[in-house]
PDB file of N, CA and C in Angstrom:
ATOM      1  N   UNK A   1     133.316 -83.104 -44.973  1.00  0.00           N
ATOM      2  CA  UNK A   1     134.864 -83.411 -45.282  1.00  0.00           C
ATOM      3  C   UNK A   1     134.921 -83.994 -46.649  1.00  0.00           C
ATOM      4  N   UNK A   2     136.100 -83.408 -47.178  1.00  0.00           N
ATOM      5  CA  UNK A   2     136.191 -83.774 -48.614  1.00  0.00           C
ATOM      6  C   UNK A   2     137.356 -84.870 -48.777  1.00  0.00           C
ATOM      7  N   UNK A   3     137.334 -86.245 -49.120  1.00  0.00           N
ATOM      8  CA  UNK A   3     138.160 -87.314 -49.279  1.00  0.00           C
ATOM      9  C   UNK A   3     138.648 -87.203 -50.741  1.00  0.00           C
ATOM     10  N   UNK A   4     139.931 -87.440 -50.427  1.00  0.00           N
ATOM     11  CA  UNK A   4     140.795 -88.007 -51.494  1.00  0.00           C
ATOM     12  C   UNK A   4     141.322 -89.849 -51.388  1.00  0.00           C
ATOM     13  N   UNK A   5     141.512 -90.746 -52.742  1.00  0.00           N
ATOM     14  CA  UNK A   5     141.691 -91.619 -52.435  1.00  0.00           C
ATOM     15  C   UNK A   5     143.195 -92.238 -53.085  1.00  0.00           C
ATOM     16  N   UNK A   6     143.209 -93.398 -53.396  1.00  0.00           N
ATOM     17  CA  UNK A   6     144.460 -94.128 -53.561  1.00  0.00           C
ATOM     18  C   UNK A   6     144.307 -94.989 -53.942  1.00  0.00           C
ATOM     19  N   UNK A   7     144.951 -95.724 -55.095  1.00  0.00           N
ATOM     20  CA  UNK A   7     144.840 -96.847 -55.546  1.00  0.00           C
ATOM     21  C   UNK A   7     146.382 -97.835 -55.065  1.00  0.00           C
ATOM     22  N   UNK A   8     145.600 -99.163 -54.884  1.00  0.00           N
ATOM     23  CA  UNK A   8     146.374 -99.927 -54.106  1.00  0.00           C
ATOM     24  C   UNK A   8     147.519-101.566 -55.321  1.00  0.00           C
ATOM     25  N   UNK A   9     148.777-101.038 -54.891  1.00  0.00           N
ATOM     26  CA  UNK A   9     149.503-102.263 -55.520  1.00  0.00           C
ATOM     27  C   UNK A   9     149.603-103.598 -54.439  1.00  0.00           C
ATOM     28  N   UNK A  10     149.419-104.726 -55.234  1.00  0.00           N
ATOM     29  CA  UNK A  10     150.363-106.149 -54.141  1.00  0.00           C
ATOM     30  C   UNK A  10     151.851-105.561 -54.208  1.00  0.00           C
ATOM     31  N   UNK A  11     152.649-105.235 -52.989  1.00  0.00           N
ATOM     32  CA  UNK A  11     153.966-105.613 -52.426  1.00  0.00           C
ATOM     33  C   UNK A  11     154.751-106.251 -53.206  1.00  0.00           C
ATOM     34  N   UNK A  12     153.435-107.809 -52.939  1.00  0.00           N
ATOM     35  CA  UNK A  12     154.724-108.684 -53.153  1.00  0.00           C
ATOM     36  C   UNK A  12     154.431-109.410 -55.131  1.00  0.00           C
ATOM     37  N   UNK A  13     153.489-108.589 -55.489  1.00  0.00           N
ATOM     38  CA  UNK A  13     153.504-109.172 -57.259  1.00  0.00           C
ATOM     39  C   UNK A  13     153.241-108.023 -57.874  1.00  0.00           C
ATOM     40  N   UNK A  14     153.368-106.838 -57.601  1.00  0.00           N
ATOM     41  CA  UNK A  14     153.182-105.628 -57.958  1.00  0.00           C
ATOM     42  C   UNK A  14     152.260-105.623 -58.889  1.00  0.00           C
ATOM     43  N   UNK A  15     150.807-105.748 -58.699  1.00  0.00           N
ATOM     44  CA  UNK A  15     149.724-105.587 -59.454  1.00  0.00           C
ATOM     45  C   UNK A  15     149.115-105.151 -58.766  1.00  0.00           C
ATOM     46  N   UNK A  16     147.784-104.567 -59.207  1.00  0.00           N
ATOM     47  CA  UNK A  16     146.656-103.797 -58.847  1.00  0.00           C
ATOM     48  C   UNK A  16     145.805-104.654 -58.141  1.00  0.00           C
ATOM     49  N   UNK A  17     145.643-103.793 -57.307  1.00  0.00           N
ATOM     50  CA  UNK A  17     144.514-104.769 -55.896  1.00  0.00           C
ATOM     51  C   UNK A  17     143.670-104.055 -56.546  1.00  0.00           C
ATOM     52  N   UNK A  18     142.275-104.809 -57.110  1.00  0.00           N
ATOM     53  CA  UNK A  18     141.276-104.110 -57.868  1.00  0.00           C
ATOM     54  C   UNK A  18     139.841-104.501 -57.112  1.00  0.00           C
ATOM     55  N   UNK A  19     140.313-104.807 -56.255  1.00  0.00           N
ATOM     56  CA  UNK A  19     139.255-104.960 -54.808  1.00  0.00           C
ATOM     57  C   UNK A  19     139.316-103.742 -53.574  1.00  0.00           C
ATOM     58  N   UNK A  20     139.690-103.187 -53.374  1.00  0.00           N
ATOM     59  CA  UNK A  20     140.407-102.626 -52.738  1.00  0.00           C
ATOM     60  C   UNK A  20     140.593-100.967 -52.583  1.00  0.00           C
ATOM     61  N   UNK A  21     140.426 -99.958 -51.496  1.00  0.00           N
ATOM     62  CA  UNK A  21     140.767 -98.646 -52.409  1.00  0.00           C
ATOM     63  C   UNK A  21     141.288 -97.409 -51.325  1.00  0.00           C
ATOM     64  N   UNK A  22     142.345 -96.995 -50.524  1.00  0.00           N
ATOM     65  CA  UNK A  22     142.341 -96.476 -49.702  1.00  0.00           C
ATOM     66  C   UNK A  22     142.520 -94.508 -49.520  1.00  0.00           C
ATOM     67  N   UNK A  23     141.624 -94.483 -48.604  1.00  0.00           N
ATOM     68  CA  UNK A  23     141.460 -93.501 -48.105  1.00  0.00           C
ATOM     69  C   UNK A  23     142.207 -92.397 -47.309  1.00  0.00           C
ATOM     70  N   UNK A  24     142.572 -91.590 -48.436  1.00  0.00           N
ATOM     71  CA  UNK A  24     144.218 -90.673 -48.403  1.00  0.00           C
ATOM     72  C   UNK A  24     144.014 -90.381 -46.227  1.00  0.00           C
ATOM     73  N   UNK A  25     143.048 -89.423 -46.294  1.00  0.00           N
ATOM     74  CA  UNK A  25     142.648 -88.831 -45.118  1.00  0.00           C
ATOM     75  C   UNK A  25     142.778 -89.594 -43.515  1.00  0.00           C
ATOM     76  N   UNK A  26     142.365 -90.740 -43.512  1.00  0.00           N
ATOM     77  CA  UNK A  26     142.878 -91.226 -42.483  1.00  0.00           C
ATOM     78  C   UNK A  26     143.511 -92.910 -42.419  1.00  0.00           C
ATOM     79  N   UNK A  27     143.721 -93.087 -43.619  1.00  0.00           N
ATOM     80  CA  UNK A  27     144.239 -94.334 -43.733  1.00  0.00           C
ATOM     81  C   UNK A  27     143.503 -95.694 -44.182  1.00  0.00           C
ATOM     82  N   UNK A  28     142.260 -95.217 -44.052  1.00  0.00           N
ATOM     83  CA  UNK A  28     141.391 -96.534 -44.105  1.00  0.00           C
ATOM     84  C   UNK A  28     140.848 -96.926 -45.187  1.00  0.00           C
ATOM     85  N   UNK A  29     141.604 -98.781 -45.719  1.00  0.00           N
ATOM     86  CA  UNK A  29     141.177 -99.616 -46.406  1.00  0.00           C
ATOM     87  C   UNK A  29     139.801 -99.624 -46.979  1.00  0.00           C
ATOM     88  N   UNK A  30     139.153 -99.458 -47.797  1.00  0.00           N
ATOM     89  CA  UNK A  30     137.913 -99.681 -48.521  1.00  0.00           C
ATOM     90  C   UNK A  30     137.883-100.810 -48.856  1.00  0.00           C
ATOM     91  N   UNK A  31     136.857-102.130 -49.238  1.00  0.00           N
ATOM     92  CA  UNK A  31     136.750-103.029 -49.746  1.00  0.00           C
ATOM     93  C   UNK A  31     135.494-102.787 -50.281  1.00  0.00           C
ATOM     94  N   UNK A  32     136.065-103.254 -51.564  1.00  0.00           N
ATOM     95  CA  UNK A  32     134.467-102.835 -53.205  1.00  0.00           C
ATOM     96  C   UNK A  32     133.336-103.602 -52.370  1.00  0.00           C
ATOM     97  N   UNK A  33     132.128-103.350 -51.454  1.00  0.00           N
ATOM     98  CA  UNK A  33     130.998-103.788 -51.396  1.00  0.00           C
ATOM     99  C   UNK A  33     130.228-102.688 -51.544  1.00  0.00           C
ATOM    100  N   UNK A  34     129.620-103.239 -52.434  1.00  0.00           N
ATOM    101  CA  UNK A  34     128.003-101.790 -52.203  1.00  0.00           C
ATOM    102  C   UNK A  34     127.207-101.931 -50.588  1.00  0.00           C
ATOM    103  N   UNK A  35     127.479-102.773 -50.137  1.00  0.00           N
ATOM    104  CA  UNK A  35     126.886-102.523 -48.841  1.00  0.00           C
ATOM    105  C   UNK A  35     127.578-101.409 -47.861  1.00  0.00           C
ATOM    106  N   UNK A  36     128.922-101.320 -48.601  1.00  0.00           N
ATOM    107  CA  UNK A  36     129.730-100.585 -47.571  1.00  0.00           C
ATOM    108  C   UNK A  36     129.300 -99.139 -47.832  1.00  0.00           C
ATOM    109  N   UNK A  37     128.784 -98.131 -46.493  1.00  0.00           N
ATOM    110  CA  UNK A  37     128.973 -96.871 -46.669  1.00  0.00           C
ATOM    111  C   UNK A  37     129.862 -95.734 -46.935  1.00  0.00           C
ATOM    112  N   UNK A  38     131.822 -95.922 -47.033  1.00  0.00           N
ATOM    113  CA  UNK A  38     132.275 -95.335 -47.449  1.00  0.00           C
ATOM    114  C   UNK A  38     132.702 -95.833 -48.928  1.00  0.00           C
ATOM    115  N   UNK A  39     132.668 -96.838 -49.400  1.00  0.00           N
ATOM    116  CA  UNK A  39     132.220 -97.662 -50.707  1.00  0.00           C
ATOM    117  C   UNK A  39     131.687 -97.202 -51.606  1.00  0.00           C
ATOM    118  N   UNK A  40     130.578 -96.560 -51.099  1.00  0.00           N
ATOM    119  CA  UNK A  40     129.113 -95.774 -51.421  1.00  0.00           C
ATOM    120  C   UNK A  40     130.363 -93.974 -52.006  1.00  0.00           C
ATOM    121  N   UNK A  41     130.735 -93.614 -50.627  1.00  0.00           N
ATOM    122  CA  UNK A  41     130.962 -92.457 -50.571  1.00  0.00           C
ATOM    123  C   UNK A  41     132.462 -92.271 -51.673  1.00  0.00           C
ATOM    124  N   UNK A  42     133.100 -93.538 -52.166  1.00  0.00           N
ATOM    125  CA  UNK A  42     134.078 -93.528 -53.278  1.00  0.00           C
ATOM    126  C   UNK A  42     133.261 -93.436 -54.597  1.00  0.00           C
ATOM    127  N   UNK A  43     132.467 -93.846 -54.667  1.00  0.00           N
ATOM    128  CA  UNK A  43     131.678 -94.516 -55.897  1.00  0.00           C
ATOM    129  C   UNK A  43     130.754 -92.966 -56.419  1.00  0.00           C
ATOM    130  N   UNK A  44     130.582 -91.987 -55.020  1.00  0.00           N
ATOM    131  CA  UNK A  44     130.057 -90.745 -55.799  1.00  0.00           C
ATOM    132  C   UNK A  44     130.837 -90.173 -56.025  1.00  0.00           C
ATOM    133  N   UNK A  45     132.114 -89.861 -55.004  1.00  0.00           N
ATOM    134  CA  UNK A  45     133.448 -89.152 -55.792  1.00  0.00           C
ATOM    135  C   UNK A  45     134.162 -89.025 -57.209  1.00  0.00           C
ATOM    136  N   UNK A  46     133.489 -91.069 -57.531  1.00  0.00           N
ATOM    137  CA  UNK A  46     134.271 -90.574 -58.970  1.00  0.00           C
ATOM    138  C   UNK A  46     132.648 -90.003 -60.090  1.00  0.00           C
ATOM    139  N   UNK A  47     131.527 -90.943 -59.378  1.00  0.00           N
ATOM    140  CA  UNK A  47     130.932 -90.047 -60.262  1.00  0.00           C
ATOM    141  C   UNK A  47     130.823 -88.613 -60.222  1.00  0.00           C
ATOM    142  N   UNK A  48     131.334 -87.962 -59.412  1.00  0.00           N
ATOM    143  CA  UNK A  48     132.034 -86.339 -59.598  1.00  0.00           C
ATOM    144  C   UNK A  48     133.038 -85.701 -60.583  1.00  0.00           C
ATOM    145  N   UNK A  49     133.352 -86.847 -60.742  1.00  0.00           N
ATOM    146  CA  UNK A  49     134.703 -86.276 -61.546  1.00  0.00           C
ATOM    147  C   UNK A  49     135.900 -86.665 -61.046  1.00  0.00           C
ATOM    148  N   UNK A  50     135.486 -86.685 -59.280  1.00  0.00           N
ATOM    149  CA  UNK A  50     136.845 -87.237 -59.252  1.00  0.00           C
ATOM    150  C   UNK A  50     138.370 -88.732 -59.305  1.00  0.00           C
ATOM    151  N   UNK A  51     139.196 -88.697 -59.742  1.00  0.00           N
ATOM    152  CA  UNK A  51     140.248 -89.752 -59.997  1.00  0.00           C
ATOM    153  C   UNK A  51     141.204 -89.723 -58.784  1.00  0.00           C
ATOM    154  N   UNK A  52     141.539 -91.312 -58.355  1.00  0.00           N
ATOM    155  CA  UNK A  52     142.389 -91.768 -57.279  1.00  0.00           C
ATOM    156  C   UNK A  52     143.476 -91.379 -57.903  1.00  0.00           C
ATOM    157  N   UNK A  53     144.594 -91.335 -56.468  1.00  0.00           N
ATOM    158  CA  UNK A  53     145.874 -90.993 -56.623  1.00  0.00           C
ATOM    159  C   UNK A  53     146.272 -93.155 -57.518  1.00  0.00           C
ATOM    160  N   UNK A  54     146.794 -92.839 -58.062  1.00  0.00           N
ATOM    161  CA  UNK A  54     148.448 -93.668 -58.748  1.00  0.00           C
ATOM    162  C   UNK A  54     148.851 -94.449 -57.487  1.00  0.00           C
ATOM    163  N   UNK A  55     148.473 -95.563 -57.645  1.00  0.00           N
ATOM    164  CA  UNK A  55     149.337 -96.964 -56.244  1.00  0.00           C
ATOM    165  C   UNK A  55     150.790 -96.312 -56.355  1.00  0.00           C
ATOM    166  N   UNK A  56     151.006 -96.461 -54.877  1.00  0.00           N
ATOM    167  CA  UNK A  56     152.452 -95.709 -54.661  1.00  0.00           C
ATOM    168  C   UNK A  56     153.401 -97.637 -54.698  1.00  0.00           C
ATOM    169  N   UNK A  57     154.370 -97.892 -55.293  1.00  0.00           N
ATOM    170  CA  UNK A  57     154.354 -99.156 -55.392  1.00  0.00           C
ATOM    171  C   UNK A  57     155.428 -99.570 -54.526  1.00  0.00           C
ATOM    172  N   UNK A  58     155.572 -99.017 -53.296  1.00  0.00           N
ATOM    173  CA  UNK A  58     156.105 -99.407 -51.799  1.00  0.00           C
ATOM    174  C   UNK A  58     155.409 -99.210 -51.171  1.00  0.00           C
ATOM    175  N   UNK A  59     154.379 -98.811 -51.003  1.00  0.00           N
ATOM    176  CA  UNK A  59     152.991 -98.845 -50.347  1.00  0.00           C
ATOM    177  C   UNK A  59     152.801-100.340 -49.843  1.00  0.00           C
ATOM    178  N   UNK A  60     152.909-100.978 -48.269  1.00  0.00           N
ATOM    179  CA  UNK A  60     152.987-102.283 -48.190  1.00  0.00           C
ATOM    180  C   UNK A  60     151.240-102.363 -47.552  1.00  0.00           C
ATOM    181  N   UNK A  61     151.112-103.702 -48.462  1.00  0.00           N
ATOM    182  CA  UNK A  61     149.447-103.963 -47.899  1.00  0.00           C
ATOM    183  C   UNK A  61     149.588-105.081 -46.488  1.00  0.00           C
ATOM    184  N   UNK A  62     148.930-104.550 -45.164  1.00  0.00           N
ATOM    185  CA  UNK A  62     148.884-104.543 -43.800  1.00  0.00           C
ATOM    186  C   UNK A  62     147.359-104.702 -43.897  1.00  0.00           C
ATOM    187  N   UNK A  63     146.747-106.425 -43.933  1.00  0.00           N
ATOM    188  CA  UNK A  63     145.143-106.300 -43.849  1.00  0.00           C
ATOM    189  C   UNK A  63     144.672-105.891 -42.398  1.00  0.00           C
ATOM    190  N   UNK A  64     143.065-105.177 -42.544  1.00  0.00           N
ATOM    191  CA  UNK A  64     143.177-105.500 -40.590  1.00  0.00           C
ATOM    192  C   UNK A  64     142.736-106.096 -39.836  1.00  0.00           C
ATOM    193  N   UNK A  65     143.142-106.283 -38.460  1.00  0.00           N
ATOM    194  CA  UNK A  65     143.402-107.395 -38.336  1.00  0.00           C
ATOM    195  C   UNK A  65     141.856-107.046 -37.698  1.00  0.00           C
ATOM    196  N   UNK A  66     141.435-108.381 -37.479  1.00  0.00           N
ATOM    197  CA  UNK A  66     139.790-108.861 -36.862  1.00  0.00           C
ATOM    198  C   UNK A  66     139.657-109.115 -35.436  1.00  0.00           C
TER     199      UNK A  66
END
């Protein structure tokens, strides 16, 4: 399966969130962690010329529950 990604903005400040990306197909919030296989797939996407969509300023950041 091919995935696409979207950048994120903090809904309170409007600033970019620079330590996480949204995988659009399943809504997964992927942290920028070298040990994370989803982050490795995102890096491969970028290396192959992929570009993440710009953030939607109205998208609300709701961290996953633990």
